[in-house]
Amino acid sequence: MNRALIRKVMQAMGRKGGRIGGKISAERMSRTERIARAKKAASASAKVRSAKARARRKRKVEE
């Protein structure tokens, strides 16, 4: 079989499962579990934003 075709099929399956999985897991979690997951995601997002901002400031100072 063509490896590129297999890869595309597997990617499509993963996307479909990922969308379904998130909804189902959210339905099965308690309110406190959902809040904890949201806080963890927000914290990770803030960490990335801060790192990008530091990198931008560092580049600006070096110029």
PDB file of N, CA and C in Angstrom:
ATOM      1  N   MET A   1       0.834  -1.208   0.000  1.00  0.00           N
ATOM      2  CA  MET A   1       0.000   0.000   0.000  1.00  0.00           C
ATOM      3  C   MET A   1       0.862   1.248   0.000  1.00  0.00           C
ATOM      4  N   ASN A   2       0.288   2.314  -0.455  1.00  0.00           N
ATOM      5  CA  ASN A   2       0.967   3.595  -0.509  1.00  0.00           C
ATOM      6  C   ASN A   2       1.034   4.201   0.903  1.00  0.00           C
ATOM      7  N   ARG A   3       2.237   4.509   1.368  1.00  0.00           N
ATOM      8  CA  ARG A   3       2.417   5.028   2.729  1.00  0.00           C
ATOM      9  C   ARG A   3       1.734   6.386   2.912  1.00  0.00           C
ATOM     10  N   ALA A   4       1.751   7.208   1.873  1.00  0.00           N
ATOM     11  CA  ALA A   4       1.122   8.530   1.966  1.00  0.00           C
ATOM     12  C   ALA A   4      -0.389   8.394   2.165  1.00  0.00           C
ATOM     13  N   LEU A   5      -0.988   7.453   1.468  1.00  0.00           N
ATOM     14  CA  LEU A   5      -2.427   7.217   1.609  1.00  0.00           C
ATOM     15  C   LEU A   5      -2.752   6.718   3.019  1.00  0.00           C
ATOM     16  N   ILE A   6      -1.959   5.796   3.515  1.00  0.00           N
ATOM     17  CA  ILE A   6      -2.179   5.267   4.867  1.00  0.00           C
ATOM     18  C   ILE A   6      -2.072   6.400   5.882  1.00  0.00           C
ATOM     19  N   ARG A   7      -1.080   7.254   5.708  1.00  0.00           N
ATOM     20  CA  ARG A   7      -0.892   8.369   6.635  1.00  0.00           C
ATOM     21  C   ARG A   7      -2.099   9.301   6.637  1.00  0.00           C
ATOM     22  N   LYS A   8      -2.610   9.637   5.447  1.00  0.00           N
ATOM     23  CA  LYS A   8      -3.772  10.518   5.356  1.00  0.00           C
ATOM     24  C   LYS A   8      -4.995   9.913   6.028  1.00  0.00           C
ATOM     25  N   VAL A   9      -5.194   8.613   5.816  1.00  0.00           N
ATOM     26  CA  VAL A   9      -6.333   7.932   6.430  1.00  0.00           C
ATOM     27  C   VAL A   9      -6.205   7.941   7.950  1.00  0.00           C
ATOM     28  N   MET A  10      -5.007   7.646   8.448  1.00  0.00           N
ATOM     29  CA  MET A  10      -4.796   7.612   9.894  1.00  0.00           C
ATOM     30  C   MET A  10      -4.960   9.015  10.502  1.00  0.00           C
ATOM     31  N   GLN A  11      -4.502  10.051   9.809  1.00  0.00           N
ATOM     32  CA  GLN A  11      -4.674  11.420  10.297  1.00  0.00           C
ATOM     33  C   GLN A  11      -6.147  11.773  10.405  1.00  0.00           C
ATOM     34  N   ALA A  12      -6.915  11.393   9.398  1.00  0.00           N
ATOM     35  CA  ALA A  12      -8.352  11.679   9.411  1.00  0.00           C
ATOM     36  C   ALA A  12      -9.034  10.962  10.566  1.00  0.00           C
ATOM     37  N   MET A  13      -8.651   9.722  10.791  1.00  0.00           N
ATOM     38  CA  MET A  13      -9.233   8.960  11.896  1.00  0.00           C
ATOM     39  C   MET A  13      -8.880   9.615  13.240  1.00  0.00           C
ATOM     40  N   GLY A  14      -7.643  10.066  13.373  1.00  0.00           N
ATOM     41  CA  GLY A  14      -7.213  10.711  14.607  1.00  0.00           C
ATOM     42  C   GLY A  14      -7.965  12.001  14.876  1.00  0.00           C
ATOM     43  N   ARG A  15      -8.171  12.799  13.825  1.00  0.00           N
ATOM     44  CA  ARG A  15      -8.920  14.050  13.995  1.00  0.00           C
ATOM     45  C   ARG A  15     -10.345  13.765  14.442  1.00  0.00           C
ATOM     46  N   LYS A  16     -10.968  12.792  13.819  1.00  0.00           N
ATOM     47  CA  LYS A  16     -12.351  12.458  14.154  1.00  0.00           C
ATOM     48  C   LYS A  16     -12.432  11.979  15.602  1.00  0.00           C
ATOM     49  N   GLY A  17     -11.555  11.092  15.980  1.00  0.00           N
ATOM     50  CA  GLY A  17     -11.550  10.559  17.343  1.00  0.00           C
ATOM     51  C   GLY A  17     -11.227  11.619  18.367  1.00  0.00           C
ATOM     52  N   GLY A  18     -10.331  12.534  18.018  1.00  0.00           N
ATOM     53  CA  GLY A  18      -9.959  13.596  18.936  1.00  0.00           C
ATOM     54  C   GLY A  18     -11.115  14.514  19.258  1.00  0.00           C
ATOM     55  N   ARG A  19     -11.884  14.844  18.249  1.00  0.00           N
ATOM     56  CA  ARG A  19     -13.047  15.715  18.472  1.00  0.00           C
ATOM     57  C   ARG A  19     -14.078  15.018  19.349  1.00  0.00           C
ATOM     58  N   ILE A  20     -14.334  13.765  19.038  1.00  0.00           N
ATOM     59  CA  ILE A  20     -15.321  13.010  19.811  1.00  0.00           C
ATOM     60  C   ILE A  20     -14.829  12.786  21.229  1.00  0.00           C
ATOM     61  N   GLY A  21     -13.549  12.437  21.350  1.00  0.00           N
ATOM     62  CA  GLY A  21     -12.970  12.131  22.657  1.00  0.00           C
ATOM     63  C   GLY A  21     -13.059  13.291  23.624  1.00  0.00           C
ATOM     64  N   GLY A  22     -12.814  14.501  23.150  1.00  0.00           N
ATOM     65  CA  GLY A  22     -12.870  15.669  24.017  1.00  0.00           C
ATOM     66  C   GLY A  22     -14.268  15.922  24.552  1.00  0.00           C
ATOM     67  N   LYS A  23     -15.251  15.766  23.700  1.00  0.00           N
ATOM     68  CA  LYS A  23     -16.637  15.987  24.123  1.00  0.00           C
ATOM     69  C   LYS A  23     -17.059  14.943  25.148  1.00  0.00           C
ATOM     70  N   ILE A  24     -16.741  13.698  24.849  1.00  0.00           N
ATOM     71  CA  ILE A  24     -17.151  12.618  25.746  1.00  0.00           C
ATOM     72  C   ILE A  24     -16.446  12.726  27.087  1.00  0.00           C
ATOM     73  N   SER A  25     -15.148  13.019  27.060  1.00  0.00           N
ATOM     74  CA  SER A  25     -14.430  13.120  28.329  1.00  0.00           C
ATOM     75  C   SER A  25     -14.972  14.282  29.157  1.00  0.00           C
ATOM     76  N   ALA A  26     -15.346  15.380  28.511  1.00  0.00           N
ATOM     77  CA  ALA A  26     -15.917  16.515  29.241  1.00  0.00           C
ATOM     78  C   ALA A  26     -17.265  16.144  29.864  1.00  0.00           C
ATOM     79  N   GLU A  27     -18.045  15.364  29.154  1.00  0.00           N
ATOM     80  CA  GLU A  27     -19.349  14.944  29.686  1.00  0.00           C
ATOM     81  C   GLU A  27     -19.179  14.026  30.895  1.00  0.00           C
ATOM     82  N   ARG A  28     -18.136  13.239  30.901  1.00  0.00           N
ATOM     83  CA  ARG A  28     -17.937  12.256  31.968  1.00  0.00           C
ATOM     84  C   ARG A  28     -17.200  12.827  33.169  1.00  0.00           C
ATOM     85  N   MET A  29     -16.692  14.041  33.060  1.00  0.00           N
ATOM     86  CA  MET A  29     -15.975  14.664  34.174  1.00  0.00           C
ATOM     87  C   MET A  29     -16.937  15.426  35.069  1.00  0.00           C
ATOM     88  N   SER A  30     -16.538  15.515  36.325  1.00  0.00           N
ATOM     89  CA  SER A  30     -17.323  16.333  37.241  1.00  0.00           C
ATOM     90  C   SER A  30     -16.974  17.805  36.998  1.00  0.00           C
ATOM     91  N   ARG A  31     -17.733  18.675  37.611  1.00  0.00           N
ATOM     92  CA  ARG A  31     -17.495  20.115  37.434  1.00  0.00           C
ATOM     93  C   ARG A  31     -16.095  20.476  37.904  1.00  0.00           C
ATOM     94  N   THR A  32     -15.671  19.949  39.041  1.00  0.00           N
ATOM     95  CA  THR A  32     -14.337  20.277  39.561  1.00  0.00           C
ATOM     96  C   THR A  32     -13.235  19.745  38.664  1.00  0.00           C
ATOM     97  N   GLU A  33     -13.440  18.586  38.060  1.00  0.00           N
ATOM     98  CA  GLU A  33     -12.435  18.038  37.147  1.00  0.00           C
ATOM     99  C   GLU A  33     -12.315  18.907  35.894  1.00  0.00           C
ATOM    100  N   ARG A  34     -13.450  19.382  35.380  1.00  0.00           N
ATOM    101  CA  ARG A  34     -13.422  20.262  34.207  1.00  0.00           C
ATOM    102  C   ARG A  34     -12.706  21.573  34.528  1.00  0.00           C
ATOM    103  N   ILE A  35     -12.974  22.120  35.718  1.00  0.00           N
ATOM    104  CA  ILE A  35     -12.323  23.359  36.131  1.00  0.00           C
ATOM    105  C   ILE A  35     -10.815  23.148  36.241  1.00  0.00           C
ATOM    106  N   ALA A  36     -10.409  22.024  36.839  1.00  0.00           N
ATOM    107  CA  ALA A  36      -8.977  21.731  36.986  1.00  0.00           C
ATOM    108  C   ALA A  36      -8.310  21.608  35.623  1.00  0.00           C
ATOM    109  N   ARG A  37      -8.972  20.953  34.687  1.00  0.00           N
ATOM    110  CA  ARG A  37      -8.412  20.801  33.335  1.00  0.00           C
ATOM    111  C   ARG A  37      -8.294  22.159  32.645  1.00  0.00           C
ATOM    112  N   ALA A  38      -9.306  22.995  32.808  1.00  0.00           N
ATOM    113  CA  ALA A  38      -9.283  24.324  32.188  1.00  0.00           C
ATOM    114  C   ALA A  38      -8.170  25.176  32.782  1.00  0.00           C
ATOM    115  N   LYS A  39      -7.977  25.113  34.103  1.00  0.00           N
ATOM    116  CA  LYS A  39      -6.908  25.880  34.742  1.00  0.00           C
ATOM    117  C   LYS A  39      -5.541  25.416  34.261  1.00  0.00           C
ATOM    118  N   LYS A  40      -5.381  24.105  34.119  1.00  0.00           N
ATOM    119  CA  LYS A  40      -4.106  23.564  33.646  1.00  0.00           C
ATOM    120  C   LYS A  40      -3.826  24.038  32.221  1.00  0.00           C
ATOM    121  N   ALA A  41      -4.845  24.019  31.374  1.00  0.00           N
ATOM    122  CA  ALA A  41      -4.685  24.468  29.985  1.00  0.00           C
ATOM    123  C   ALA A  41      -4.379  25.960  29.932  1.00  0.00           C
ATOM    124  N   ALA A  42      -5.065  26.750  30.745  1.00  0.00           N
ATOM    125  CA  ALA A  42      -4.839  28.189  30.763  1.00  0.00           C
ATOM    126  C   ALA A  42      -3.425  28.503  31.245  1.00  0.00           C
ATOM    127  N   SER A  43      -2.966  27.761  32.235  1.00  0.00           N
ATOM    128  CA  SER A  43      -1.620  27.963  32.760  1.00  0.00           C
ATOM    129  C   SER A  43      -0.568  27.647  31.700  1.00  0.00           C
ATOM    130  N   ALA A  44      -0.753  26.554  30.992  1.00  0.00           N
ATOM    131  CA  ALA A  44       0.192  26.172  29.932  1.00  0.00           C
ATOM    132  C   ALA A  44       0.198  27.223  28.820  1.00  0.00           C
ATOM    133  N   SER A  45      -0.979  27.716  28.481  1.00  0.00           N
ATOM    134  CA  SER A  45      -1.093  28.735  27.434  1.00  0.00           C
ATOM    135  C   SER A  45      -0.390  30.018  27.861  1.00  0.00           C
ATOM    136  N   ALA A  46      -0.570  30.427  29.110  1.00  0.00           N
ATOM    137  CA  ALA A  46       0.067  31.644  29.613  1.00  0.00           C
ATOM    138  C   ALA A  46       1.585  31.483  29.618  1.00  0.00           C
ATOM    139  N   LYS A  47       2.051  30.301  29.952  1.00  0.00           N
ATOM    140  CA  LYS A  47       3.490  30.035  29.972  1.00  0.00           C
ATOM    141  C   LYS A  47       4.086  30.218  28.570  1.00  0.00           C
ATOM    142  N   VAL A  48       3.406  29.712  27.565  1.00  0.00           N
ATOM    143  CA  VAL A  48       3.871  29.842  26.185  1.00  0.00           C
ATOM    144  C   VAL A  48       3.848  31.306  25.753  1.00  0.00           C
ATOM    145  N   ARG A  49       2.754  32.005  26.059  1.00  0.00           N
ATOM    146  CA  ARG A  49       2.660  33.423  25.693  1.00  0.00           C
ATOM    147  C   ARG A  49       3.774  34.230  26.348  1.00  0.00           C
ATOM    148  N   SER A  50       4.052  33.949  27.617  1.00  0.00           N
ATOM    149  CA  SER A  50       5.109  34.673  28.329  1.00  0.00           C
ATOM    150  C   SER A  50       6.470  34.418  27.697  1.00  0.00           C
ATOM    151  N   ALA A  51       6.733  33.169  27.339  1.00  0.00           N
ATOM    152  CA  ALA A  51       8.014  32.832  26.713  1.00  0.00           C
ATOM    153  C   ALA A  51       8.168  33.559  25.378  1.00  0.00           C
ATOM    154  N   LYS A  52       7.094  33.616  24.607  1.00  0.00           N
ATOM    155  CA  LYS A  52       7.151  34.321  23.319  1.00  0.00           C
ATOM    156  C   LYS A  52       7.382  35.810  23.532  1.00  0.00           C
ATOM    157  N   ALA A  53       6.726  36.389  24.523  1.00  0.00           N
ATOM    158  CA  ALA A  53       6.881  37.813  24.798  1.00  0.00           C
ATOM    159  C   ALA A  53       8.310  38.114  25.245  1.00  0.00           C
ATOM    160  N   ARG A  54       8.883  37.254  26.094  1.00  0.00           N
ATOM    161  CA  ARG A  54      10.271  37.442  26.531  1.00  0.00           C
ATOM    162  C   ARG A  54      11.221  37.386  25.342  1.00  0.00           C
ATOM    163  N   ALA A  55      10.976  36.436  24.440  1.00  0.00           N
ATOM    164  CA  ALA A  55      11.828  36.299  23.252  1.00  0.00           C
ATOM    165  C   ALA A  55      11.736  37.549  22.370  1.00  0.00           C
ATOM    166  N   ARG A  56      10.512  38.089  22.220  1.00  0.00           N
ATOM    167  CA  ARG A  56      10.340  39.307  21.420  1.00  0.00           C
ATOM    168  C   ARG A  56      11.079  40.479  22.054  1.00  0.00           C
ATOM    169  N   ARG A  57      10.959  40.633  23.380  1.00  0.00           N
ATOM    170  CA  ARG A  57      11.645  41.723  24.066  1.00  0.00           C
ATOM    171  C   ARG A  57      13.159  41.575  23.958  1.00  0.00           C
ATOM    172  N   LYS A  58      13.636  40.357  24.070  1.00  0.00           N
ATOM    173  CA  LYS A  58      15.063  40.105  23.981  1.00  0.00           C
ATOM    174  C   LYS A  58      15.577  40.487  22.585  1.00  0.00           C
ATOM    175  N   ARG A  59      14.850  40.092  21.533  1.00  0.00           N
ATOM    176  CA  ARG A  59      15.243  40.438  20.176  1.00  0.00           C
ATOM    177  C   ARG A  59      15.250  41.945  19.976  1.00  0.00           C
ATOM    178  N   LYS A  60      14.240  42.613  20.555  1.00  0.00           N
ATOM    179  CA  LYS A  60      14.127  44.056  20.389  1.00  0.00           C
ATOM    180  C   LYS A  60      15.297  44.770  21.061  1.00  0.00           C
ATOM    181  N   VAL A  61      15.717  44.302  22.231  1.00  0.00           N
ATOM    182  CA  VAL A  61      16.830  44.905  22.950  1.00  0.00           C
ATOM    183  C   VAL A  61      18.137  44.689  22.184  1.00  0.00           C
ATOM    184  N   GLU A  62      18.289  43.541  21.570  1.00  0.00           N
ATOM    185  CA  GLU A  62      19.520  43.222  20.833  1.00  0.00           C
ATOM    186  C   GLU A  62      19.662  44.036  19.562  1.00  0.00           C
ATOM    187  N   GLU A  63      18.564  44.515  19.013  1.00  0.00           N
ATOM    188  CA  GLU A  63      18.616  45.268  17.740  1.00  0.00           C
ATOM    189  C   GLU A  63      19.124  46.643  17.883  1.00  0.00           C
TER     190      GLU A  63
END
